[in-house]
PDB file of N, CA and C in Angstrom:
ATOM      1  N   MET A   1      10.030 -42.892  -4.401  1.00  0.00           N
ATOM      2  CA  MET A   1      10.382 -41.568  -3.937  1.00  0.00           C
ATOM      3  C   MET A   1       9.165 -40.655  -4.115  1.00  0.00           C
ATOM      4  N   PHE A   2       8.902 -39.830  -3.157  1.00  0.00           N
ATOM      5  CA  PHE A   2       7.768 -38.928  -3.244  1.00  0.00           C
ATOM      6  C   PHE A   2       8.094 -37.760  -4.153  1.00  0.00           C
ATOM      7  N   ARG A   3       7.057 -37.184  -4.752  1.00  0.00           N
ATOM      8  CA  ARG A   3       7.271 -36.076  -5.666  1.00  0.00           C
ATOM      9  C   ARG A   3       7.957 -34.907  -4.975  1.00  0.00           C
ATOM     10  N   GLY A   4       7.592 -34.631  -3.711  1.00  0.00           N
ATOM     11  CA  GLY A   4       8.226 -33.551  -2.965  1.00  0.00           C
ATOM     12  C   GLY A   4       9.712 -33.799  -2.783  1.00  0.00           C
ATOM     13  N   GLN A   5      10.070 -35.046  -2.493  1.00  0.00           N
ATOM     14  CA  GLN A   5      11.478 -35.390  -2.333  1.00  0.00           C
ATOM     15  C   GLN A   5      12.214 -35.224  -3.655  1.00  0.00           C
ATOM     16  N   CYS A   6      11.564 -35.604  -4.755  1.00  0.00           N
ATOM     17  CA  CYS A   6      12.190 -35.458  -6.069  1.00  0.00           C
ATOM     18  C   CYS A   6      12.468 -33.994  -6.366  1.00  0.00           C
ATOM     19  N   PHE A   7      11.509 -33.135  -6.104  1.00  0.00           N
ATOM     20  CA  PHE A   7      11.681 -31.717  -6.374  1.00  0.00           C
ATOM     21  C   PHE A   7      12.825 -31.173  -5.527  1.00  0.00           C
ATOM     22  N   PHE A   8      12.861 -31.541  -4.256  1.00  0.00           N
ATOM     23  CA  PHE A   8      13.925 -31.091  -3.362  1.00  0.00           C
ATOM     24  C   PHE A   8      15.280 -31.570  -3.863  1.00  0.00           C
ATOM     25  N   LEU A   9      15.360 -32.830  -4.301  1.00  0.00           N
ATOM     26  CA  LEU A   9      16.611 -33.386  -4.824  1.00  0.00           C
ATOM     27  C   LEU A   9      17.069 -32.611  -6.057  1.00  0.00           C
ATOM     28  N   LEU A  10      16.148 -32.288  -6.937  1.00  0.00           N
ATOM     29  CA  LEU A  10      16.509 -31.545  -8.149  1.00  0.00           C
ATOM     30  C   LEU A  10      17.055 -30.159  -7.806  1.00  0.00           C
ATOM     31  N   ILE A  11      16.432 -29.500  -6.828  1.00  0.00           N
ATOM     32  CA  ILE A  11      16.904 -28.171  -6.417  1.00  0.00           C
ATOM     33  C   ILE A  11      18.298 -28.277  -5.816  1.00  0.00           C
ATOM     34  N   LEU A  12      18.519 -29.263  -4.947  1.00  0.00           N
ATOM     35  CA  LEU A  12      19.843 -29.438  -4.339  1.00  0.00           C
ATOM     36  C   LEU A  12      20.907 -29.697  -5.395  1.00  0.00           C
ATOM     37  N   GLN A  13      20.608 -30.556  -6.347  1.00  0.00           N
ATOM     38  CA  GLN A  13      21.588 -30.885  -7.379  1.00  0.00           C
ATOM     39  C   GLN A  13      21.891 -29.670  -8.245  1.00  0.00           C
ATOM     40  N   ARG A  14      20.900 -28.861  -8.483  1.00  0.00           N
ATOM     41  CA  ARG A  14      21.099 -27.675  -9.321  1.00  0.00           C
ATOM     42  C   ARG A  14      22.064 -26.701  -8.645  1.00  0.00           C
ATOM     43  N   GLU A  15      21.949 -26.591  -7.332  1.00  0.00           N
ATOM     44  CA  GLU A  15      22.803 -25.662  -6.596  1.00  0.00           C
ATOM     45  C   GLU A  15      24.262 -26.118  -6.565  1.00  0.00           C
ATOM     46  N   LYS A  16      24.516 -27.427  -6.638  1.00  0.00           N
ATOM     47  CA  LYS A  16      25.890 -27.938  -6.580  1.00  0.00           C
ATOM     48  C   LYS A  16      26.683 -27.581  -7.831  1.00  0.00           C
ATOM     49  N   LYS A  17      26.005 -27.488  -8.954  1.00  0.00           N
ATOM     50  CA  LYS A  17      26.600 -27.152 -10.238  1.00  0.00           C
ATOM     51  C   LYS A  17      27.563 -28.221 -10.770  1.00  0.00           C
ATOM     52  N   PHE A  18      27.546 -29.407 -10.199  1.00  0.00           N
ATOM     53  CA  PHE A  18      28.265 -30.548 -10.757  1.00  0.00           C
ATOM     54  C   PHE A  18      27.414 -31.784 -10.511  1.00  0.00           C
ATOM     55  N   TYR A  19      27.595 -32.761 -11.361  1.00  0.00           N
ATOM     56  CA  TYR A  19      26.737 -33.928 -11.294  1.00  0.00           C
ATOM     57  C   TYR A  19      27.566 -35.203 -11.356  1.00  0.00           C
ATOM     58  N   THR A  20      27.271 -36.124 -10.471  1.00  0.00           N
ATOM     59  CA  THR A  20      27.871 -37.450 -10.535  1.00  0.00           C
ATOM     60  C   THR A  20      26.917 -38.342 -11.304  1.00  0.00           C
ATOM     61  N   ALA A  21      27.385 -39.500 -11.697  1.00  0.00           N
ATOM     62  CA  ALA A  21      26.516 -40.441 -12.399  1.00  0.00           C
ATOM     63  C   ALA A  21      25.319 -40.810 -11.525  1.00  0.00           C
ATOM     64  N   ASP A  22      25.555 -40.982 -10.229  1.00  0.00           N
ATOM     65  CA  ASP A  22      24.462 -41.316  -9.312  1.00  0.00           C
ATOM     66  C   ASP A  22      23.435 -40.197  -9.225  1.00  0.00           C
ATOM     67  N   SER A  23      23.900 -38.960  -9.169  1.00  0.00           N
ATOM     68  CA  SER A  23      22.957 -37.852  -9.053  1.00  0.00           C
ATOM     69  C   SER A  23      22.158 -37.683 -10.343  1.00  0.00           C
ATOM     70  N   ILE A  24      22.793 -37.901 -11.472  1.00  0.00           N
ATOM     71  CA  ILE A  24      22.069 -37.824 -12.750  1.00  0.00           C
ATOM     72  C   ILE A  24      21.024 -38.912 -12.823  1.00  0.00           C
ATOM     73  N   PHE A  25      21.394 -40.131 -12.418  1.00  0.00           N
ATOM     74  CA  PHE A  25      20.426 -41.236 -12.412  1.00  0.00           C
ATOM     75  C   PHE A  25      19.266 -40.914 -11.472  1.00  0.00           C
ATOM     76  N   ALA A  26      19.575 -40.388 -10.291  1.00  0.00           N
ATOM     77  CA  ALA A  26      18.528 -40.055  -9.321  1.00  0.00           C
ATOM     78  C   ALA A  26      17.592 -38.986  -9.888  1.00  0.00           C
ATOM     79  N   MET A  27      18.161 -37.976 -10.552  1.00  0.00           N
ATOM     80  CA  MET A  27      17.316 -36.938 -11.138  1.00  0.00           C
ATOM     81  C   MET A  27      16.429 -37.498 -12.249  1.00  0.00           C
ATOM     82  N   LEU A  28      16.998 -38.349 -13.108  1.00  0.00           N
ATOM     83  CA  LEU A  28      16.196 -38.947 -14.177  1.00  0.00           C
ATOM     84  C   LEU A  28      15.092 -39.825 -13.606  1.00  0.00           C
ATOM     85  N   PHE A  29      15.414 -40.596 -12.565  1.00  0.00           N
ATOM     86  CA  PHE A  29      14.407 -41.439 -11.927  1.00  0.00           C
ATOM     87  C   PHE A  29      13.286 -40.585 -11.356  1.00  0.00           C
ATOM     88  N   CYS A  30      13.645 -39.489 -10.711  1.00  0.00           N
ATOM     89  CA  CYS A  30      12.639 -38.587 -10.145  1.00  0.00           C
ATOM     90  C   CYS A  30      11.754 -37.989 -11.231  1.00  0.00           C
ATOM     91  N   LEU A  31      12.386 -37.525 -12.291  1.00  0.00           N
ATOM     92  CA  LEU A  31      11.607 -36.944 -13.385  1.00  0.00           C
ATOM     93  C   LEU A  31      10.672 -37.973 -14.004  1.00  0.00           C
ATOM     94  N   LEU A  32      11.151 -39.191 -14.175  1.00  0.00           N
ATOM     95  CA  LEU A  32      10.316 -40.251 -14.713  1.00  0.00           C
ATOM     96  C   LEU A  32       9.158 -40.555 -13.768  1.00  0.00           C
ATOM     97  N   SER A  33       9.434 -40.614 -12.473  1.00  0.00           N
ATOM     98  CA  SER A  33       8.387 -40.889 -11.487  1.00  0.00           C
ATOM     99  C   SER A  33       7.317 -39.812 -11.502  1.00  0.00           C
ATOM    100  N   VAL A  34       7.752 -38.559 -11.549  1.00  0.00           N
ATOM    101  CA  VAL A  34       6.796 -37.453 -11.570  1.00  0.00           C
ATOM    102  C   VAL A  34       5.982 -37.487 -12.856  1.00  0.00           C
ATOM    103  N   THR A  35       6.634 -37.736 -13.983  1.00  0.00           N
ATOM    104  CA  THR A  35       5.931 -37.812 -15.264  1.00  0.00           C
ATOM    105  C   THR A  35       4.915 -38.937 -15.257  1.00  0.00           C
ATOM    106  N   MET A  36       5.326 -40.113 -14.754  1.00  0.00           N
ATOM    107  CA  MET A  36       4.404 -41.246 -14.692  1.00  0.00           C
ATOM    108  C   MET A  36       3.221 -40.920 -13.799  1.00  0.00           C
ATOM    109  N   ALA A  37       3.473 -40.245 -12.694  1.00  0.00           N
ATOM    110  CA  ALA A  37       2.401 -39.891 -11.773  1.00  0.00           C
ATOM    111  C   ALA A  37       1.407 -38.945 -12.437  1.00  0.00           C
ATOM    112  N   LEU A  38       1.909 -38.071 -13.291  1.00  0.00           N
ATOM    113  CA  LEU A  38       1.028 -37.128 -13.964  1.00  0.00           C
ATOM    114  C   LEU A  38       0.223 -37.779 -15.083  1.00  0.00           C
ATOM    115  N   LEU A  39       0.740 -38.842 -15.664  1.00  0.00           N
ATOM    116  CA  LEU A  39       0.071 -39.473 -16.790  1.00  0.00           C
ATOM    117  C   LEU A  39      -0.938 -40.538 -16.377  1.00  0.00           C
ATOM    118  N   MET A  40      -0.896 -40.986 -15.139  1.00  0.00           N
ATOM    119  CA  MET A  40      -1.794 -42.035 -14.680  1.00  0.00           C
ATOM    120  C   MET A  40      -2.683 -41.518 -13.571  1.00  0.00           C
ATOM    121  N   THR A  41      -3.931 -41.963 -13.579  1.00  0.00           N
ATOM    122  CA  THR A  41      -4.815 -41.628 -12.477  1.00  0.00           C
ATOM    123  C   THR A  41      -4.473 -42.519 -11.290  1.00  0.00           C
ATOM    124  N   GLU A  42      -4.990 -42.172 -10.135  1.00  0.00           N
ATOM    125  CA  GLU A  42      -4.749 -42.976  -8.937  1.00  0.00           C
ATOM    126  C   GLU A  42      -5.289 -44.394  -9.131  1.00  0.00           C
ATOM    127  N   THR A  43      -6.445 -44.520  -9.742  1.00  0.00           N
ATOM    128  CA  THR A  43      -7.032 -45.841  -9.979  1.00  0.00           C
ATOM    129  C   THR A  43      -6.152 -46.657 -10.914  1.00  0.00           C
ATOM    130  N   GLU A  44      -5.625 -46.031 -11.956  1.00  0.00           N
ATOM    131  CA  GLU A  44      -4.730 -46.741 -12.877  1.00  0.00           C
ATOM    132  C   GLU A  44      -3.456 -47.196 -12.167  1.00  0.00           C
ATOM    133  N   ARG A  45      -2.931 -46.347 -11.270  1.00  0.00           N
ATOM    134  CA  ARG A  45      -1.745 -46.746 -10.501  1.00  0.00           C
ATOM    135  C   ARG A  45      -2.057 -47.950  -9.612  1.00  0.00           C
ATOM    136  N   GLU A  46      -3.233 -47.950  -8.999  1.00  0.00           N
ATOM    137  CA  GLU A  46      -3.630 -49.068  -8.147  1.00  0.00           C
ATOM    138  C   GLU A  46      -3.804 -50.341  -8.977  1.00  0.00           C
ATOM    139  N   ILE A  47      -4.358 -50.190 -10.171  1.00  0.00           N
ATOM    140  CA  ILE A  47      -4.508 -51.347 -11.061  1.00  0.00           C
ATOM    141  C   ILE A  47      -3.137 -51.903 -11.421  1.00  0.00           C
ATOM    142  N   LEU A  48      -2.217 -51.025 -11.785  1.00  0.00           N
ATOM    143  CA  LEU A  48      -0.869 -51.470 -12.147  1.00  0.00           C
ATOM    144  C   LEU A  48      -0.206 -52.192 -10.975  1.00  0.00           C
ATOM    145  N   GLU A  49      -0.305 -51.637  -9.776  1.00  0.00           N
ATOM    146  CA  GLU A  49       0.276 -52.282  -8.597  1.00  0.00           C
ATOM    147  C   GLU A  49      -0.333 -53.671  -8.373  1.00  0.00           C
ATOM    148  N   THR A  50      -1.644 -53.777  -8.545  1.00  0.00           N
ATOM    149  CA  THR A  50      -2.316 -55.057  -8.348  1.00  0.00           C
ATOM    150  C   THR A  50      -1.922 -56.050  -9.437  1.00  0.00           C
ATOM    151  N   LEU A  51      -1.775 -55.576 -10.666  1.00  0.00           N
ATOM    152  CA  LEU A  51      -1.341 -56.457 -11.755  1.00  0.00           C
ATOM    153  C   LEU A  51       0.073 -56.985 -11.512  1.00  0.00           C
ATOM    154  N   VAL A  52       0.945 -56.136 -11.004  1.00  0.00           N
ATOM    155  CA  VAL A  52       2.313 -56.567 -10.688  1.00  0.00           C
ATOM    156  C   VAL A  52       2.280 -57.605  -9.567  1.00  0.00           C
ATOM    157  N   THR A  53       1.477 -57.358  -8.553  1.00  0.00           N
ATOM    158  CA  THR A  53       1.336 -58.315  -7.446  1.00  0.00           C
ATOM    159  C   THR A  53       0.794 -59.641  -7.952  1.00  0.00           C
ATOM    160  N   LEU A  54      -0.205 -59.573  -8.822  1.00  0.00           N
ATOM    161  CA  LEU A  54      -0.791 -60.793  -9.386  1.00  0.00           C
ATOM    162  C   LEU A  54       0.256 -61.585 -10.157  1.00  0.00           C
ATOM    163  N   GLU A  55       1.006 -60.911 -10.998  1.00  0.00           N
ATOM    164  CA  GLU A  55       2.015 -61.596 -11.805  1.00  0.00           C
ATOM    165  C   GLU A  55       3.103 -62.223 -10.926  1.00  0.00           C
ATOM    166  N   ASN A  56       3.555 -61.480  -9.916  1.00  0.00           N
ATOM    167  CA  ASN A  56       4.581 -62.012  -9.014  1.00  0.00           C
ATOM    168  C   ASN A  56       4.063 -63.203  -8.213  1.00  0.00           C
ATOM    169  N   THR A  57       2.828 -63.117  -7.757  1.00  0.00           N
ATOM    170  CA  THR A  57       2.237 -64.215  -6.990  1.00  0.00           C
ATOM    171  C   THR A  57       2.043 -65.442  -7.870  1.00  0.00           C
ATOM    172  N   ALA A  58       1.568 -65.228  -9.091  1.00  0.00           N
ATOM    173  CA  ALA A  58       1.355 -66.347 -10.017  1.00  0.00           C
ATOM    174  C   ALA A  58       2.679 -67.017 -10.386  1.00  0.00           C
ATOM    175  N   ALA A  59       3.745 -66.236 -10.476  1.00  0.00           N
ATOM    176  CA  ALA A  59       5.052 -66.798 -10.824  1.00  0.00           C
ATOM    177  C   ALA A  59       5.584 -67.727  -9.730  1.00  0.00           C
ATOM    178  N   LYS A  60       5.165 -67.480  -8.503  1.00  0.00           N
ATOM    179  CA  LYS A  60       5.622 -68.307  -7.379  1.00  0.00           C
ATOM    180  C   LYS A  60       4.774 -69.558  -7.168  1.00  0.00           C
ATOM    181  N   MET A  61       3.678 -69.677  -7.882  1.00  0.00           N
ATOM    182  CA  MET A  61       2.751 -70.789  -7.660  1.00  0.00           C
ATOM    183  C   MET A  61       3.370 -72.175  -7.821  1.00  0.00           C
ATOM    184  N   PRO A  62       4.226 -72.422  -8.815  1.00  0.00           N
ATOM    185  CA  PRO A  62       4.762 -73.777  -8.975  1.00  0.00           C
ATOM    186  C   PRO A  62       5.522 -74.283  -7.744  1.00  0.00           C
ATOM    187  N   THR A  63       6.121 -73.367  -6.994  1.00  0.00           N
ATOM    188  CA  THR A  63       6.917 -73.801  -5.839  1.00  0.00           C
ATOM    189  C   THR A  63       6.219 -73.547  -4.510  1.00  0.00           C
ATOM    190  N   SER A  64       5.051 -72.922  -4.536  1.00  0.00           N
ATOM    191  CA  SER A  64       4.345 -72.598  -3.296  1.00  0.00           C
ATOM    192  C   SER A  64       3.532 -73.773  -2.793  1.00  0.00           C
ATOM    193  N   ASN A  65       3.556 -73.931  -1.475  1.00  0.00           N
ATOM    194  CA  ASN A  65       2.710 -74.931  -0.840  1.00  0.00           C
ATOM    195  C   ASN A  65       2.331 -74.390   0.526  1.00  0.00           C
ATOM    196  N   PRO A  66       1.088 -74.043   0.741  1.00  0.00           N
ATOM    197  CA  PRO A  66      -0.075 -74.188  -0.129  1.00  0.00           C
ATOM    198  C   PRO A  66      -0.082 -73.121  -1.228  1.00  0.00           C
ATOM    199  N   LYS A  67      -0.849 -73.383  -2.234  1.00  0.00           N
ATOM    200  CA  LYS A  67      -0.950 -72.468  -3.373  1.00  0.00           C
ATOM    201  C   LYS A  67      -1.664 -71.185  -2.928  1.00  0.00           C
ATOM    202  N   PRO A  68      -1.163 -70.028  -3.379  1.00  0.00           N
ATOM    203  CA  PRO A  68      -1.820 -68.767  -3.020  1.00  0.00           C
ATOM    204  C   PRO A  68      -3.182 -68.651  -3.697  1.00  0.00           C
ATOM    205  N   ASP A  69      -4.097 -67.981  -3.023  1.00  0.00           N
ATOM    206  CA  ASP A  69      -5.434 -67.747  -3.562  1.00  0.00           C
ATOM    207  C   ASP A  69      -5.399 -66.454  -4.376  1.00  0.00           C
ATOM    208  N   LEU A  70      -5.556 -66.563  -5.675  1.00  0.00           N
ATOM    209  CA  LEU A  70      -5.487 -65.396  -6.566  1.00  0.00           C
ATOM    210  C   LEU A  70      -6.827 -64.676  -6.689  1.00  0.00           C
ATOM    211  N   ARG A  71      -7.887 -65.283  -6.197  1.00  0.00           N
ATOM    212  CA  ARG A  71      -9.216 -64.685  -6.356  1.00  0.00           C
ATOM    213  C   ARG A  71      -9.336 -63.274  -5.805  1.00  0.00           C
ATOM    214  N   PRO A  72      -8.760 -62.977  -4.628  1.00  0.00           N
ATOM    215  CA  PRO A  72      -8.859 -61.584  -4.148  1.00  0.00           C
ATOM    216  C   PRO A  72      -8.172 -60.577  -5.079  1.00  0.00           C
ATOM    217  N   LEU A  73      -7.101 -60.990  -5.716  1.00  0.00           N
ATOM    218  CA  LEU A  73      -6.420 -60.088  -6.657  1.00  0.00           C
ATOM    219  C   LEU A  73      -7.273 -59.855  -7.898  1.00  0.00           C
ATOM    220  N   PHE A  74      -7.885 -60.924  -8.407  1.00  0.00           N
ATOM    221  CA  PHE A  74      -8.778 -60.765  -9.564  1.00  0.00           C
ATOM    222  C   PHE A  74      -9.967 -59.872  -9.209  1.00  0.00           C
ATOM    223  N   ALA A  75     -10.518 -60.068  -8.022  1.00  0.00           N
ATOM    224  CA  ALA A  75     -11.655 -59.253  -7.582  1.00  0.00           C
ATOM    225  C   ALA A  75     -11.256 -57.790  -7.452  1.00  0.00           C
ATOM    226  N   ARG A  76     -10.056 -57.538  -6.939  1.00  0.00           N
ATOM    227  CA  ARG A  76      -9.565 -56.165  -6.789  1.00  0.00           C
ATOM    228  C   ARG A  76      -9.396 -55.496  -8.149  1.00  0.00           C
ATOM    229  N   ILE A  77      -8.839 -56.219  -9.104  1.00  0.00           N
ATOM    230  CA  ILE A  77      -8.663 -55.660 -10.448  1.00  0.00           C
ATOM    231  C   ILE A  77     -10.018 -55.324 -11.062  1.00  0.00           C
ATOM    232  N   GLU A  78     -10.969 -56.236 -10.933  1.00  0.00           N
ATOM    233  CA  GLU A  78     -12.304 -55.989 -11.493  1.00  0.00           C
ATOM    234  C   GLU A  78     -12.982 -54.803 -10.814  1.00  0.00           C
ATOM    235  N   SER A  79     -12.813 -54.703  -9.503  1.00  0.00           N
ATOM    236  CA  SER A  79     -13.399 -53.583  -8.767  1.00  0.00           C
ATOM    237  C   SER A  79     -12.790 -52.255  -9.200  1.00  0.00           C
ATOM    238  N   LEU A  80     -11.483 -52.227  -9.329  1.00  0.00           N
ATOM    239  CA  LEU A  80     -10.804 -51.003  -9.761  1.00  0.00           C
ATOM    240  C   LEU A  80     -11.171 -50.647 -11.203  1.00  0.00           C
ATOM    241  N   ALA A  81     -11.247 -51.649 -12.061  1.00  0.00           N
ATOM    242  CA  ALA A  81     -11.610 -51.399 -13.466  1.00  0.00           C
ATOM    243  C   ALA A  81     -12.998 -50.789 -13.563  1.00  0.00           C
ATOM    244  N   ALA A  82     -13.900 -51.212 -12.684  1.00  0.00           N
ATOM    245  CA  ALA A  82     -15.266 -50.665 -12.690  1.00  0.00           C
ATOM    246  C   ALA A  82     -15.277 -49.202 -12.258  1.00  0.00           C
ATOM    247  N   GLN A  83     -14.255 -48.758 -11.559  1.00  0.00           N
ATOM    248  CA  GLN A  83     -14.177 -47.371 -11.081  1.00  0.00           C
ATOM    249  C   GLN A  83     -13.580 -46.410 -12.113  1.00  0.00           C
ATOM    250  N   LEU A  84     -13.031 -46.951 -13.177  1.00  0.00           N
ATOM    251  CA  LEU A  84     -12.402 -46.086 -14.179  1.00  0.00           C
ATOM    252  C   LEU A  84     -13.453 -45.229 -14.878  1.00  0.00           C
ATOM    253  N   PRO A  85     -13.138 -43.964 -15.132  1.00  0.00           N
ATOM    254  CA  PRO A  85     -14.098 -43.092 -15.827  1.00  0.00           C
ATOM    255  C   PRO A  85     -14.235 -43.461 -17.301  1.00  0.00           C
ATOM    256  N   ARG A  86     -15.271 -42.978 -17.913  1.00  0.00           N
ATOM    257  CA  ARG A  86     -15.551 -43.291 -19.327  1.00  0.00           C
ATOM    258  C   ARG A  86     -14.450 -42.823 -20.269  1.00  0.00           C
ATOM    259  N   GLU A  87     -13.778 -41.758 -19.902  1.00  0.00           N
ATOM    260  CA  GLU A  87     -12.746 -41.213 -20.802  1.00  0.00           C
ATOM    261  C   GLU A  87     -11.423 -41.962 -20.703  1.00  0.00           C
ATOM    262  N   THR A  88     -11.393 -43.047 -19.962  1.00  0.00           N
ATOM    263  CA  THR A  88     -10.193 -43.880 -19.866  1.00  0.00           C
ATOM    264  C   THR A  88      -9.845 -44.449 -21.239  1.00  0.00           C
ATOM    265  N   ASP A  89      -8.570 -44.624 -21.471  1.00  0.00           N
ATOM    266  CA  ASP A  89      -8.059 -45.221 -22.707  1.00  0.00           C
ATOM    267  C   ASP A  89      -8.862 -46.478 -23.057  1.00  0.00           C
ATOM    268  N   ARG A  90      -9.447 -46.480 -24.239  1.00  0.00           N
ATOM    269  CA  ARG A  90     -10.305 -47.605 -24.665  1.00  0.00           C
ATOM    270  C   ARG A  90      -9.535 -48.920 -24.733  1.00  0.00           C
ATOM    271  N   GLU A  91      -8.274 -48.845 -25.124  1.00  0.00           N
ATOM    272  CA  GLU A  91      -7.476 -50.061 -25.214  1.00  0.00           C
ATOM    273  C   GLU A  91      -7.252 -50.669 -23.827  1.00  0.00           C
ATOM    274  N   LEU A  92      -7.010 -49.815 -22.837  1.00  0.00           N
ATOM    275  CA  LEU A  92      -6.858 -50.302 -21.465  1.00  0.00           C
ATOM    276  C   LEU A  92      -8.150 -50.953 -20.986  1.00  0.00           C
ATOM    277  N   LEU A  93      -9.265 -50.294 -21.231  1.00  0.00           N
ATOM    278  CA  LEU A  93     -10.556 -50.870 -20.839  1.00  0.00           C
ATOM    279  C   LEU A  93     -10.790 -52.220 -21.510  1.00  0.00           C
ATOM    280  N   HIS A  94     -10.455 -52.288 -22.786  1.00  0.00           N
ATOM    281  CA  HIS A  94     -10.611 -53.537 -23.539  1.00  0.00           C
ATOM    282  C   HIS A  94      -9.780 -54.650 -22.898  1.00  0.00           C
ATOM    283  N   PHE A  95      -8.518 -54.359 -22.604  1.00  0.00           N
ATOM    284  CA  PHE A  95      -7.652 -55.375 -22.000  1.00  0.00           C
ATOM    285  C   PHE A  95      -8.183 -55.825 -20.646  1.00  0.00           C
ATOM    286  N   LEU A  96      -8.637 -54.883 -19.845  1.00  0.00           N
ATOM    287  CA  LEU A  96      -9.138 -55.235 -18.511  1.00  0.00           C
ATOM    288  C   LEU A  96     -10.419 -56.053 -18.594  1.00  0.00           C
ATOM    289  N   HIS A  97     -11.327 -55.676 -19.473  1.00  0.00           N
ATOM    290  CA  HIS A  97     -12.591 -56.412 -19.596  1.00  0.00           C
ATOM    291  C   HIS A  97     -12.381 -57.804 -20.180  1.00  0.00           C
ATOM    292  N   ARG A  98     -11.389 -57.944 -21.035  1.00  0.00           N
ATOM    293  CA  ARG A  98     -11.072 -59.258 -21.632  1.00  0.00           C
ATOM    294  C   ARG A  98     -10.108 -60.073 -20.768  1.00  0.00           C
ATOM    295  N   LYS A  99      -9.724 -59.476 -19.629  1.00  0.00           N
ATOM    296  CA  LYS A  99      -8.786 -60.123 -18.695  1.00  0.00           C
ATOM    297  C   LYS A  99      -7.425 -60.413 -19.335  1.00  0.00           C
ATOM    298  N   SER A 100      -7.030 -59.530 -20.229  1.00  0.00           N
ATOM    299  CA  SER A 100      -5.691 -59.598 -20.839  1.00  0.00           C
ATOM    300  C   SER A 100      -4.767 -58.771 -19.956  1.00  0.00           C
ATOM    301  N   TYR A 101      -4.497 -59.315 -18.781  1.00  0.00           N
ATOM    302  CA  TYR A 101      -3.810 -58.545 -17.759  1.00  0.00           C
ATOM    303  C   TYR A 101      -2.351 -58.233 -18.096  1.00  0.00           C
ATOM    304  N   GLN A 102      -1.676 -59.105 -18.808  1.00  0.00           N
ATOM    305  CA  GLN A 102      -0.296 -58.798 -19.196  1.00  0.00           C
ATOM    306  C   GLN A 102      -0.261 -57.626 -20.172  1.00  0.00           C
ATOM    307  N   LYS A 103      -1.228 -57.587 -21.080  1.00  0.00           N
ATOM    308  CA  LYS A 103      -1.285 -56.465 -22.029  1.00  0.00           C
ATOM    309  C   LYS A 103      -1.665 -55.175 -21.303  1.00  0.00           C
ATOM    310  N   ALA A 104      -2.579 -55.264 -20.345  1.00  0.00           N
ATOM    311  CA  ALA A 104      -2.964 -54.081 -19.573  1.00  0.00           C
ATOM    312  C   ALA A 104      -1.764 -53.545 -18.802  1.00  0.00           C
ATOM    313  N   ARG A 105      -1.007 -54.453 -18.192  1.00  0.00           N
ATOM    314  CA  ARG A 105       0.173 -54.030 -17.441  1.00  0.00           C
ATOM    315  C   ARG A 105       1.188 -53.359 -18.376  1.00  0.00           C
ATOM    316  N   ALA A 106       1.443 -53.952 -19.516  1.00  0.00           N
ATOM    317  CA  ALA A 106       2.407 -53.396 -20.463  1.00  0.00           C
ATOM    318  C   ALA A 106       1.966 -51.995 -20.905  1.00  0.00           C
ATOM    319  N   LEU A 107       0.682 -51.829 -21.168  1.00  0.00           N
ATOM    320  CA  LEU A 107       0.163 -50.525 -21.592  1.00  0.00           C
ATOM    321  C   LEU A 107       0.350 -49.481 -20.493  1.00  0.00           C
ATOM    322  N   LEU A 108       0.039 -49.853 -19.256  1.00  0.00           N
ATOM    323  CA  LEU A 108       0.210 -48.921 -18.151  1.00  0.00           C
ATOM    324  C   LEU A 108       1.677 -48.590 -17.895  1.00  0.00           C
ATOM    325  N   GLU A 109       2.542 -49.549 -18.060  1.00  0.00           N
ATOM    326  CA  GLU A 109       3.969 -49.309 -17.829  1.00  0.00           C
ATOM    327  C   GLU A 109       4.590 -48.446 -18.907  1.00  0.00           C
ATOM    328  N   GLN A 110       3.967 -48.346 -20.066  1.00  0.00           N
ATOM    329  CA  GLN A 110       4.484 -47.499 -21.147  1.00  0.00           C
ATOM    330  C   GLN A 110       4.248 -46.022 -20.877  1.00  0.00           C
ATOM    331  N   ARG A 111       3.358 -45.716 -19.971  1.00  0.00           N
ATOM    332  CA  ARG A 111       3.037 -44.305 -19.703  1.00  0.00           C
ATOM    333  C   ARG A 111       4.102 -43.614 -18.918  1.00  0.00           C
TER     334      ARG A 111
END
């Protein structure tokens, strides 16, 4: 959901003055999405998306024929990691440089 849509949804729900379980869940999801967007840079979001893609692709490898080529995903992660500014979380940088991608993903998802 886009941040603009989330804001619009919150305004609409506020005007109704009653909340269903679905509307409360939608508002919480929107608030979480906006908060996550504010806590992560665009490059970090791209890294997280690529890490999720890598993990999903790797999970399918035992049953895939032909086997997917993971090299472009690794190259993308390395390229994005090189774009991170110096003030980036040192632990994230450490995980990315050591190729501890599951730990990097977990750290990014905690934000």
